[in-house]
Amino acid sequence: MVADTASIRSRLEGLQDLPTPVHSWVVEEGVDWTDDPAVWVWALLDYDDADKDAVFRLKDLVREVVKDTSGLWAYVRIRDANETEATA
C-alpha cells in the first residue's frame, strides 16, 4: 500500500483551527469496492455539538490532508466520541 497511516494521523493531529473540535482520529488503509487503494478516516467528536456545515468542512479538510500525504482517496466518517467511549 502507498498510504502511511501513521503519517496521515500525525498530520491530522497537528491541524490547528479545525472547523469543529476532534477528540481523536482513527486511520486505516485498504482497498475500496473498486479494488483501488484507499484510506478510511474516522473523526471522533462531540457530534451533538457539531454544526453540520463545520462537519462538511472537516471532511473536506481531511480528504485534502490524505490526498496531500498519500495521493489516495479518503473515505471520511464521523463518530460520536461519547458513543465509542461507551462501547470501549
Protein backbone atom coordinates (compact mmCIF):
# COMPACT_ATOMS: atom_id res chain seq x y z
CA MET A 1 0.00 0.00 0.00
CA VAL A 2 1.03 3.56 -0.65
CA ALA A 3 -0.58 5.01 2.47
CA ASP A 4 1.40 5.60 5.64
CA THR A 5 -1.36 5.73 8.23
CA ALA A 6 1.00 6.97 10.96
CA SER A 7 1.99 9.97 8.81
CA ILE A 8 -1.63 10.73 7.97
CA ARG A 9 -2.70 10.51 11.63
CA SER A 10 0.23 12.72 12.65
CA ARG A 11 -0.73 15.38 10.11
CA LEU A 12 -4.37 15.25 11.21
CA GLU A 13 -3.41 15.55 14.88
CA GLY A 14 -1.25 18.58 14.05
CA LEU A 15 -4.04 20.53 12.36
CA GLN A 16 -4.91 23.83 14.00
CA ASP A 17 -8.19 25.79 13.91
CA LEU A 18 -10.39 22.86 12.90
CA PRO A 19 -13.97 23.74 11.95
CA THR A 20 -15.14 21.60 14.91
CA PRO A 21 -13.10 20.06 17.76
CA VAL A 22 -11.94 16.46 17.22
CA HIS A 23 -11.17 14.19 20.20
CA SER A 24 -9.15 11.66 18.21
CA TRP A 25 -8.58 10.11 14.79
CA VAL A 26 -8.72 6.54 13.55
CA VAL A 27 -6.90 5.95 10.24
CA GLU A 28 -6.89 2.68 8.30
CA GLU A 29 -5.78 1.70 4.83
CA GLY A 30 -7.10 -0.93 2.47
CA VAL A 31 -8.77 -1.37 -0.88
CA ASP A 32 -12.18 0.08 -1.68
CA TRP A 33 -15.07 -1.54 -3.53
CA THR A 34 -13.34 -0.86 -6.88
CA ASP A 35 -10.21 -2.69 -5.67
CA ASP A 36 -8.25 0.58 -5.55
CA PRO A 37 -6.09 1.58 -2.57
CA ALA A 38 -7.89 3.94 -0.21
CA VAL A 39 -7.78 5.38 3.29
CA TRP A 40 -10.60 5.42 5.84
CA VAL A 41 -10.59 8.13 8.48
CA TRP A 42 -12.93 8.33 11.44
CA ALA A 43 -13.06 11.65 13.27
CA LEU A 44 -14.29 11.22 16.84
CA LEU A 45 -16.07 14.33 18.06
CA ASP A 46 -18.98 15.58 20.13
CA TYR A 47 -21.49 15.06 17.35
CA ASP A 48 -24.41 16.75 19.13
CA ASP A 49 -22.35 19.94 19.49
CA ALA A 50 -21.07 19.94 15.89
CA ASP A 51 -22.52 22.28 13.32
CA LYS A 52 -23.50 20.47 10.08
CA ASP A 53 -21.53 22.89 7.89
CA ALA A 54 -18.49 22.52 10.15
CA VAL A 55 -18.64 18.74 9.74
CA PHE A 56 -18.71 19.12 5.93
CA ARG A 57 -15.71 21.47 6.08
CA LEU A 58 -13.89 19.00 8.35
CA LYS A 59 -14.49 16.15 5.89
CA ASP A 60 -13.14 18.24 3.01
CA LEU A 61 -10.07 19.17 5.06
CA VAL A 62 -9.40 15.52 5.95
CA ARG A 63 -9.67 14.46 2.30
CA GLU A 64 -7.20 17.19 1.37
CA VAL A 65 -4.70 16.09 4.04
CA VAL A 66 -4.92 12.44 2.98
CA LYS A 67 -4.56 13.32 -0.70
CA ASP A 68 -1.53 15.54 0.02
CA THR A 69 0.07 12.91 2.26
CA SER A 70 -0.60 9.72 0.30
CA GLY A 71 -2.19 10.60 -3.02
CA LEU A 72 -5.14 8.37 -2.10
CA TRP A 73 -8.85 8.97 -1.75
CA ALA A 74 -10.14 9.24 1.81
CA TYR A 75 -13.46 7.90 3.00
CA VAL A 76 -14.23 10.14 5.96
CA ARG A 77 -16.66 9.12 8.66
CA ILE A 78 -17.79 10.97 11.76
CA ARG A 79 -18.37 9.16 15.01
CA ASP A 80 -19.59 10.47 18.32
CA ALA A 81 -16.78 10.31 20.85
CA ASN A 82 -19.29 9.51 23.61
CA GLU A 83 -20.59 6.52 21.65
CA THR A 84 -17.14 5.00 21.31
CA GLU A 85 -16.32 5.58 24.97
CA ALA A 86 -19.50 3.78 25.99
CA THR A 87 -18.65 0.74 23.86
CA ALA A 88 -14.92 0.62 24.67
